[in-house]
Amino acid sequence: MSKFSNKVVGMFSPFKMKILTWNCNGALRRKFELLEPFQADIIIVQECENPADANDKGYINWAANYLWTGENKNKGLGIFAGEGIRIRKLAWNSYGLQYFIPCKINDDFTLLGLWCHGANSADFQYIGQLWRYLQKHKNKLNKSIIAGDFNSNVIWDRKRRCWNHSDVVRELKEIKIESLYHRHFVGEEQGKELQPTFYLHKNPTKPYHIDYIFSSEDFIKSFKHISIGASDKWLNKSDHMPVCCEV
């Protein structure tokens, strides 16, 4: 069975870990093998099918160690862990917010995988879902990584609204959680990113940066690398590019 990496992780042993997030634009069962070259240990995927309802044996085997949430079995949020990695879902109240998966990795740190979704909400759509989630749970995000499709950028901030992208970034910074992309590319401010993670309607002339990996100081100190997939390789697979970091 092919897994993301072959490392066996000890609870108290220092190790390098690769974390990847990708909105696969559906049908992950036909695309998961494309992620193998990253050798990621943890993969957060948006718009993927539930392995529990899948018929594809290759996908089922690949997704042997996973958590998933969603209302549509064909298009939800999944977190997939490599062999030897312990992943345990945390019983945090969602308060009806979508889509979030809080979990513990190796009983060592908290991972919050997310897909900021419209969620049929009249008041708190997309980044508003995360803003509300933080109001309920940010005190639990010690030694944590937050990763996923935020569907948001500071360029879409609206004045007179308390849950803009900038508000979320500020609230996370107050608890010492920051974007690894912006820590790595120090000259690029929020809203002025030079590397897109998303192309609207797969149109190369409509690039945006809306997928992120945020982390607490614990990982910023040991942060090694972050990369974004190239559009000429990935745009025929999804409107989003994979984002991968090593800590």
C-alpha atoms as a PDB file:
ATOM      1  CA  MET A   1       0.000   0.000   0.000  1.00  0.00           C
ATOM      2  CA  SER A   2       1.469   3.328  -1.093  1.00  0.00           C
ATOM      3  CA  LYS A   3       1.458   5.960   1.619  1.00  0.00           C
ATOM      4  CA  PHE A   4       2.681   9.519   1.752  1.00  0.00           C
ATOM      5  CA  SER A   5       5.886   8.793   3.666  1.00  0.00           C
ATOM      6  CA  ASN A   6       7.447   5.784   5.326  1.00  0.00           C
ATOM      7  CA  LYS A   7       8.628   7.425   8.531  1.00  0.00           C
ATOM      8  CA  VAL A   8       7.466   6.008  11.832  1.00  0.00           C
ATOM      9  CA  VAL A   9       6.932   8.840  14.258  1.00  0.00           C
ATOM     10  CA  GLY A  10       7.722   8.701  17.957  1.00  0.00           C
ATOM     11  CA  MET A  11       5.695  10.848  20.338  1.00  0.00           C
ATOM     12  CA  PHE A  12       8.688  12.692  21.749  1.00  0.00           C
ATOM     13  CA  SER A  13      11.175  12.308  18.889  1.00  0.00           C
ATOM     14  CA  PRO A  14      12.025  15.420  16.865  1.00  0.00           C
ATOM     15  CA  PHE A  15      11.298  14.961  13.179  1.00  0.00           C
ATOM     16  CA  LYS A  16      10.574  16.861  10.023  1.00  0.00           C
ATOM     17  CA  MET A  17       6.985  16.842   8.869  1.00  0.00           C
ATOM     18  CA  LYS A  18       5.525  17.884   5.530  1.00  0.00           C
ATOM     19  CA  ILE A  19       2.002  19.245   5.516  1.00  0.00           C
ATOM     20  CA  LEU A  20       0.091  19.832   2.297  1.00  0.00           C
ATOM     21  CA  THR A  21      -3.272  21.426   1.567  1.00  0.00           C
ATOM     22  CA  TRP A  22      -5.084  21.218  -1.765  1.00  0.00           C
ATOM     23  CA  ASN A  23      -8.581  21.869  -3.027  1.00  0.00           C
ATOM     24  CA  CYS A  24      -8.723  19.026  -5.525  1.00  0.00           C
ATOM     25  CA  ASN A  25     -11.854  20.309  -7.323  1.00  0.00           C
ATOM     26  CA  GLY A  26     -13.494  16.912  -6.860  1.00  0.00           C
ATOM     27  CA  ALA A  27     -12.704  13.297  -7.804  1.00  0.00           C
ATOM     28  CA  LEU A  28      -9.677  12.856  -5.534  1.00  0.00           C
ATOM     29  CA  ARG A  29      -9.884   9.126  -6.306  1.00  0.00           C
ATOM     30  CA  ARG A  30      -8.504   9.959  -9.758  1.00  0.00           C
ATOM     31  CA  LYS A  31      -5.902  12.469  -8.552  1.00  0.00           C
ATOM     32  CA  PHE A  32      -4.400  11.312  -5.244  1.00  0.00           C
ATOM     33  CA  GLU A  33      -1.391   9.700  -6.918  1.00  0.00           C
ATOM     34  CA  LEU A  34      -0.371  13.132  -8.229  1.00  0.00           C
ATOM     35  CA  LEU A  35       0.460  14.095  -4.635  1.00  0.00           C
ATOM     36  CA  GLU A  36       2.917  11.244  -4.058  1.00  0.00           C
ATOM     37  CA  PRO A  37       6.021  13.234  -5.200  1.00  0.00           C
ATOM     38  CA  PHE A  38       5.488  15.671  -2.313  1.00  0.00           C
ATOM     39  CA  GLN A  39       6.009  12.832   0.201  1.00  0.00           C
ATOM     40  CA  ALA A  40       3.723  14.710   2.577  1.00  0.00           C
ATOM     41  CA  ASP A  41       2.946  13.314   6.012  1.00  0.00           C
ATOM     42  CA  ILE A  42      -0.370  15.128   6.436  1.00  0.00           C
ATOM     43  CA  ILE A  43      -2.610  16.080   3.509  1.00  0.00           C
ATOM     44  CA  ILE A  44      -5.668  18.317   3.898  1.00  0.00           C
ATOM     45  CA  VAL A  45      -7.983  18.127   0.893  1.00  0.00           C
ATOM     46  CA  GLN A  46     -11.077  20.139   0.087  1.00  0.00           C
ATOM     47  CA  GLU A  47     -13.836  18.965  -2.286  1.00  0.00           C
ATOM     48  CA  CYS A  48     -12.891  15.305  -1.888  1.00  0.00           C
ATOM     49  CA  GLU A  49     -15.178  12.289  -1.636  1.00  0.00           C
ATOM     50  CA  ASN A  50     -15.715  10.379   1.594  1.00  0.00           C
ATOM     51  CA  PRO A  51     -13.496   7.244   1.545  1.00  0.00           C
ATOM     52  CA  ALA A  52     -16.176   5.415   3.543  1.00  0.00           C
ATOM     53  CA  ASP A  53     -18.523   5.696   0.551  1.00  0.00           C
ATOM     54  CA  ALA A  54     -15.921   5.163  -2.167  1.00  0.00           C
ATOM     55  CA  ASN A  55     -15.724   2.181  -4.504  1.00  0.00           C
ATOM     56  CA  ASP A  56     -12.209   2.772  -5.790  1.00  0.00           C
ATOM     57  CA  LYS A  57      -9.873   0.324  -4.014  1.00  0.00           C
ATOM     58  CA  GLY A  58      -6.779   2.370  -4.726  1.00  0.00           C
ATOM     59  CA  TYR A  59      -8.316   5.441  -3.122  1.00  0.00           C
ATOM     60  CA  ILE A  60      -9.612   3.427  -0.165  1.00  0.00           C
ATOM     61  CA  ASN A  61      -6.143   1.971   0.478  1.00  0.00           C
ATOM     62  CA  TRP A  62      -4.468   5.359   0.123  1.00  0.00           C
ATOM     63  CA  ALA A  63      -6.966   6.899   2.537  1.00  0.00           C
ATOM     64  CA  ALA A  64      -6.589   4.255   5.226  1.00  0.00           C
ATOM     65  CA  ASN A  65      -5.711   6.797   7.945  1.00  0.00           C
ATOM     66  CA  TYR A  66      -8.111   9.717   7.642  1.00  0.00           C
ATOM     67  CA  LEU A  67     -10.785  12.041   9.000  1.00  0.00           C
ATOM     68  CA  TRP A  68     -13.572  13.439   6.832  1.00  0.00           C
ATOM     69  CA  THR A  69     -16.567  15.743   7.162  1.00  0.00           C
ATOM     70  CA  GLY A  70     -19.222  16.946   4.776  1.00  0.00           C
ATOM     71  CA  GLU A  71     -22.874  16.982   3.818  1.00  0.00           C
ATOM     72  CA  ASN A  72     -22.221  15.687   0.305  1.00  0.00           C
ATOM     73  CA  LYS A  73     -20.386  12.343   0.201  1.00  0.00           C
ATOM     74  CA  ASN A  74     -18.695  13.415  -3.028  1.00  0.00           C
ATOM     75  CA  LYS A  75     -17.475  16.835  -1.949  1.00  0.00           C
ATOM     76  CA  GLY A  76     -16.284  17.346   1.614  1.00  0.00           C
ATOM     77  CA  LEU A  77     -13.168  18.053   3.664  1.00  0.00           C
ATOM     78  CA  GLY A  78     -10.652  15.332   4.424  1.00  0.00           C
ATOM     79  CA  ILE A  79      -7.417  15.028   6.397  1.00  0.00           C
ATOM     80  CA  PHE A  80      -5.209  12.116   5.364  1.00  0.00           C
ATOM     81  CA  ALA A  81      -2.234  10.982   7.443  1.00  0.00           C
ATOM     82  CA  GLY A  82       0.706   8.824   6.451  1.00  0.00           C
ATOM     83  CA  GLU A  83       1.374   5.394   7.873  1.00  0.00           C
ATOM     84  CA  GLY A  84       2.633   5.495  11.450  1.00  0.00           C
ATOM     85  CA  ILE A  85       1.099   8.894  12.209  1.00  0.00           C
ATOM     86  CA  ARG A  86      -1.580   9.061  14.868  1.00  0.00           C
ATOM     87  CA  ILE A  87      -4.502  11.310  14.046  1.00  0.00           C
ATOM     88  CA  ARG A  88      -7.306  11.813  16.560  1.00  0.00           C
ATOM     89  CA  LYS A  89     -10.338  13.998  16.013  1.00  0.00           C
ATOM     90  CA  LEU A  90     -11.048  16.488  18.789  1.00  0.00           C
ATOM     91  CA  ALA A  91     -14.586  16.843  20.109  1.00  0.00           C
ATOM     92  CA  TRP A  92     -14.912  20.577  19.569  1.00  0.00           C
ATOM     93  CA  ASN A  93     -18.436  21.887  19.148  1.00  0.00           C
ATOM     94  CA  SER A  94     -18.865  23.126  15.579  1.00  0.00           C
ATOM     95  CA  TYR A  95     -21.800  25.371  16.528  1.00  0.00           C
ATOM     96  CA  GLY A  96     -23.192  24.604  13.076  1.00  0.00           C
ATOM     97  CA  LEU A  97     -20.146  26.060  11.295  1.00  0.00           C
ATOM     98  CA  GLN A  98     -18.699  24.356   8.198  1.00  0.00           C
ATOM     99  CA  TYR A  99     -16.179  22.858   7.301  1.00  0.00           C
ATOM    100  CA  PHE A 100     -13.654  22.330  10.097  1.00  0.00           C
ATOM    101  CA  ILE A 101     -11.749  19.282  11.369  1.00  0.00           C
ATOM    102  CA  PRO A 102      -9.825  19.846  14.612  1.00  0.00           C
ATOM    103  CA  CYS A 103      -7.517  16.955  15.423  1.00  0.00           C
ATOM    104  CA  LYS A 104      -4.471  15.949  17.425  1.00  0.00           C
ATOM    105  CA  ILE A 105      -1.402  14.704  15.588  1.00  0.00           C
ATOM    106  CA  ASN A 106       0.700  12.147  17.497  1.00  0.00           C
ATOM    107  CA  ASP A 107      -0.752  13.588  20.727  1.00  0.00           C
ATOM    108  CA  ASP A 108       1.766  16.362  20.139  1.00  0.00           C
ATOM    109  CA  PHE A 109       0.127  19.275  18.327  1.00  0.00           C
ATOM    110  CA  THR A 110      -3.270  20.436  17.111  1.00  0.00           C
ATOM    111  CA  LEU A 111      -4.114  20.568  13.433  1.00  0.00           C
ATOM    112  CA  LEU A 112      -7.162  22.486  12.253  1.00  0.00           C
ATOM    113  CA  GLY A 113      -8.024  21.570   8.681  1.00  0.00           C
ATOM    114  CA  LEU A 114     -10.598  23.794   7.041  1.00  0.00           C
ATOM    115  CA  TRP A 115     -12.539  24.700   3.941  1.00  0.00           C
ATOM    116  CA  CYS A 116     -14.109  28.147   4.277  1.00  0.00           C
ATOM    117  CA  HIS A 117     -17.424  27.534   2.597  1.00  0.00           C
ATOM    118  CA  GLY A 118     -20.583  29.503   1.853  1.00  0.00           C
ATOM    119  CA  ALA A 119     -22.276  27.065   4.246  1.00  0.00           C
ATOM    120  CA  ASN A 120     -25.758  28.332   3.363  1.00  0.00           C
ATOM    121  CA  SER A 121     -25.214  31.156   5.817  1.00  0.00           C
ATOM    122  CA  ALA A 122     -26.888  34.500   5.190  1.00  0.00           C
ATOM    123  CA  ASP A 123     -24.566  36.359   7.560  1.00  0.00           C
ATOM    124  CA  PHE A 124     -21.218  34.569   7.960  1.00  0.00           C
ATOM    125  CA  GLN A 125     -20.040  33.044   4.700  1.00  0.00           C
ATOM    126  CA  TYR A 126     -16.523  31.894   3.787  1.00  0.00           C
ATOM    127  CA  ILE A 127     -13.982  33.723   5.976  1.00  0.00           C
ATOM    128  CA  GLY A 128     -16.867  34.640   8.285  1.00  0.00           C
ATOM    129  CA  GLN A 129     -17.187  30.954   9.167  1.00  0.00           C
ATOM    130  CA  LEU A 130     -13.563  30.916  10.342  1.00  0.00           C
ATOM    131  CA  TRP A 131     -13.950  34.214  12.210  1.00  0.00           C
ATOM    132  CA  ARG A 132     -16.883  32.782  14.171  1.00  0.00           C
ATOM    133  CA  TYR A 133     -15.039  29.505  14.757  1.00  0.00           C
ATOM    134  CA  LEU A 134     -12.132  31.420  16.251  1.00  0.00           C
ATOM    135  CA  GLN A 135     -14.441  33.233  18.650  1.00  0.00           C
ATOM    136  CA  LYS A 136     -15.366  29.833  20.076  1.00  0.00           C
ATOM    137  CA  HIS A 137     -12.060  27.973  19.961  1.00  0.00           C
ATOM    138  CA  LYS A 138      -9.004  30.207  19.596  1.00  0.00           C
ATOM    139  CA  ASN A 139      -8.079  29.638  23.242  1.00  0.00           C
ATOM    140  CA  LYS A 140      -7.498  25.972  22.340  1.00  0.00           C
ATOM    141  CA  LEU A 141      -5.066  26.659  19.511  1.00  0.00           C
ATOM    142  CA  ASN A 142      -1.812  26.342  21.451  1.00  0.00           C
ATOM    143  CA  LYS A 143       0.932  24.619  19.464  1.00  0.00           C
ATOM    144  CA  SER A 144      -1.137  24.353  16.343  1.00  0.00           C
ATOM    145  CA  ILE A 145      -1.222  24.432  12.572  1.00  0.00           C
ATOM    146  CA  ILE A 146      -4.213  25.770  10.640  1.00  0.00           C
ATOM    147  CA  ALA A 147      -4.355  24.849   6.965  1.00  0.00           C
ATOM    148  CA  GLY A 148      -6.791  24.826   4.100  1.00  0.00           C
ATOM    149  CA  ASP A 149      -8.772  26.716   1.506  1.00  0.00           C
ATOM    150  CA  PHE A 150      -9.659  29.998   3.215  1.00  0.00           C
ATOM    151  CA  ASN A 151     -11.443  31.256   0.088  1.00  0.00           C
ATOM    152  CA  SER A 152     -10.290  34.696   1.146  1.00  0.00           C
ATOM    153  CA  ASN A 153      -7.783  37.471   0.696  1.00  0.00           C
ATOM    154  CA  VAL A 154      -7.386  40.941   2.175  1.00  0.00           C
ATOM    155  CA  ILE A 155      -8.234  42.440  -1.245  1.00  0.00           C
ATOM    156  CA  TRP A 156     -11.880  41.507  -0.577  1.00  0.00           C
ATOM    157  CA  ASP A 157     -12.084  43.129   2.853  1.00  0.00           C
ATOM    158  CA  ARG A 158     -15.258  45.111   3.393  1.00  0.00           C
ATOM    159  CA  LYS A 159     -15.306  48.175   5.578  1.00  0.00           C
ATOM    160  CA  ARG A 160     -17.742  48.170   8.498  1.00  0.00           C
ATOM    161  CA  ARG A 161     -17.570  44.396   8.781  1.00  0.00           C
ATOM    162  CA  CYS A 162     -15.918  42.773  11.795  1.00  0.00           C
ATOM    163  CA  TRP A 163     -14.993  39.498  10.120  1.00  0.00           C
ATOM    164  CA  ASN A 164     -12.823  40.485   7.193  1.00  0.00           C
ATOM    165  CA  HIS A 165      -9.742  38.538   6.179  1.00  0.00           C
ATOM    166  CA  SER A 166      -7.630  41.163   7.957  1.00  0.00           C
ATOM    167  CA  ASP A 167      -9.612  40.634  11.156  1.00  0.00           C
ATOM    168  CA  VAL A 168      -8.912  36.896  11.067  1.00  0.00           C
ATOM    169  CA  VAL A 169      -5.193  37.463  10.427  1.00  0.00           C
ATOM    170  CA  ARG A 170      -5.054  39.950  13.298  1.00  0.00           C
ATOM    171  CA  GLU A 171      -6.871  37.665  15.722  1.00  0.00           C
ATOM    172  CA  LEU A 172      -4.557  34.788  14.865  1.00  0.00           C
ATOM    173  CA  LYS A 173      -1.502  36.993  15.315  1.00  0.00           C
ATOM    174  CA  GLU A 174      -2.776  37.978  18.763  1.00  0.00           C
ATOM    175  CA  ILE A 175      -2.415  34.317  19.780  1.00  0.00           C
ATOM    176  CA  LYS A 176       0.959  34.124  17.977  1.00  0.00           C
ATOM    177  CA  ILE A 177      -0.245  32.227  14.910  1.00  0.00           C
ATOM    178  CA  GLU A 178       0.977  33.496  11.537  1.00  0.00           C
ATOM    179  CA  SER A 179       0.946  32.602   7.852  1.00  0.00           C
ATOM    180  CA  LEU A 180       4.015  30.569   6.917  1.00  0.00           C
ATOM    181  CA  TYR A 181       3.940  31.893   3.362  1.00  0.00           C
ATOM    182  CA  HIS A 182       4.219  35.461   4.602  1.00  0.00           C
ATOM    183  CA  ARG A 183       6.913  34.543   7.106  1.00  0.00           C
ATOM    184  CA  HIS A 184       8.904  32.898   4.308  1.00  0.00           C
ATOM    185  CA  PHE A 185       8.351  35.596   1.683  1.00  0.00           C
ATOM    186  CA  VAL A 186       8.848  38.492   4.056  1.00  0.00           C
ATOM    187  CA  GLY A 187       8.536  41.160   1.368  1.00  0.00           C
ATOM    188  CA  GLU A 188       5.014  40.090   0.433  1.00  0.00           C
ATOM    189  CA  GLU A 189       2.237  41.494   2.573  1.00  0.00           C
ATOM    190  CA  GLN A 190      -1.248  40.080   2.917  1.00  0.00           C
ATOM    191  CA  GLY A 191      -3.062  40.937  -0.316  1.00  0.00           C
ATOM    192  CA  LYS A 192       0.180  41.440  -2.252  1.00  0.00           C
ATOM    193  CA  GLU A 193       1.179  37.816  -2.744  1.00  0.00           C
ATOM    194  CA  LEU A 194       3.143  37.116  -5.924  1.00  0.00           C
ATOM    195  CA  GLN A 195       2.389  33.387  -6.057  1.00  0.00           C
ATOM    196  CA  PRO A 196      -1.267  32.482  -6.724  1.00  0.00           C
ATOM    197  CA  THR A 197      -2.904  29.429  -5.209  1.00  0.00           C
ATOM    198  CA  PHE A 198      -6.148  29.733  -7.206  1.00  0.00           C
ATOM    199  CA  TYR A 199      -7.232  30.634 -10.736  1.00  0.00           C
ATOM    200  CA  LEU A 200     -10.869  31.638 -11.123  1.00  0.00           C
ATOM    201  CA  HIS A 201     -12.581  29.317 -13.613  1.00  0.00           C
ATOM    202  CA  LYS A 202      -9.090  27.906 -14.313  1.00  0.00           C
ATOM    203  CA  ASN A 203      -8.311  31.115 -16.161  1.00  0.00           C
ATOM    204  CA  PRO A 204      -4.557  31.934 -16.018  1.00  0.00           C
ATOM    205  CA  THR A 205      -5.393  35.643 -16.224  1.00  0.00           C
ATOM    206  CA  LYS A 206      -7.425  35.544 -12.993  1.00  0.00           C
ATOM    207  CA  PRO A 207      -4.957  34.512 -10.248  1.00  0.00           C
ATOM    208  CA  TYR A 208      -5.568  34.845  -6.501  1.00  0.00           C
ATOM    209  CA  HIS A 209      -3.900  33.741  -3.271  1.00  0.00           C
ATOM    210  CA  ILE A 210      -6.578  32.129  -1.057  1.00  0.00           C
ATOM    211  CA  ASP A 211      -5.041  28.916   0.373  1.00  0.00           C
ATOM    212  CA  TYR A 212      -2.888  29.170   3.496  1.00  0.00           C
ATOM    213  CA  ILE A 213      -0.943  27.341   6.157  1.00  0.00           C
ATOM    214  CA  PHE A 214      -0.801  29.207   9.468  1.00  0.00           C
ATOM    215  CA  SER A 215       1.156  28.010  12.481  1.00  0.00           C
ATOM    216  CA  SER A 216       1.977  28.882  16.054  1.00  0.00           C
ATOM    217  CA  GLU A 217       5.451  29.986  17.157  1.00  0.00           C
ATOM    218  CA  ASP A 218       6.421  26.373  17.902  1.00  0.00           C
ATOM    219  CA  PHE A 219       6.602  25.664  14.166  1.00  0.00           C
ATOM    220  CA  ILE A 220       7.633  29.097  12.938  1.00  0.00           C
ATOM    221  CA  LYS A 221      10.908  28.651  14.818  1.00  0.00           C
ATOM    222  CA  SER A 222      11.687  25.407  12.989  1.00  0.00           C
ATOM    223  CA  PHE A 223       9.999  26.302   9.722  1.00  0.00           C
ATOM    224  CA  LYS A 224      11.998  25.081   6.722  1.00  0.00           C
ATOM    225  CA  HIS A 225      10.185  25.565   3.455  1.00  0.00           C
ATOM    226  CA  ILE A 226       6.889  26.307   1.709  1.00  0.00           C
ATOM    227  CA  SER A 227       6.014  25.762  -1.939  1.00  0.00           C
ATOM    228  CA  ILE A 228       3.053  26.272  -4.260  1.00  0.00           C
ATOM    229  CA  GLY A 229       2.343  24.062  -7.247  1.00  0.00           C
ATOM    230  CA  ALA A 230       2.937  25.541 -10.690  1.00  0.00           C
ATOM    231  CA  SER A 231      -0.119  26.366 -12.779  1.00  0.00           C
ATOM    232  CA  ASP A 232       1.262  24.708 -15.920  1.00  0.00           C
ATOM    233  CA  LYS A 233       1.265  21.379 -14.073  1.00  0.00           C
ATOM    234  CA  TRP A 234      -1.844  21.634 -11.892  1.00  0.00           C
ATOM    235  CA  LEU A 235      -4.375  23.857 -13.646  1.00  0.00           C
ATOM    236  CA  ASN A 236      -5.726  20.992 -15.754  1.00  0.00           C
ATOM    237  CA  LYS A 237      -6.374  19.074 -12.498  1.00  0.00           C
ATOM    238  CA  SER A 238      -7.916  21.793 -10.322  1.00  0.00           C
ATOM    239  CA  ASP A 239      -8.491  25.529 -10.059  1.00  0.00           C
ATOM    240  CA  HIS A 240      -6.371  25.410  -6.871  1.00  0.00           C
ATOM    241  CA  MET A 241      -2.654  24.730  -6.564  1.00  0.00           C
ATOM    242  CA  PRO A 242      -1.294  22.479  -3.786  1.00  0.00           C
ATOM    243  CA  VAL A 243       0.499  24.299  -0.957  1.00  0.00           C
ATOM    244  CA  CYS A 244       3.133  22.308   0.934  1.00  0.00           C
ATOM    245  CA  CYS A 245       5.338  23.249   3.876  1.00  0.00           C
ATOM    246  CA  GLU A 246       8.007  21.491   5.901  1.00  0.00           C
ATOM    247  CA  VAL A 247       8.417  22.071   9.627  1.00  0.00           C
END
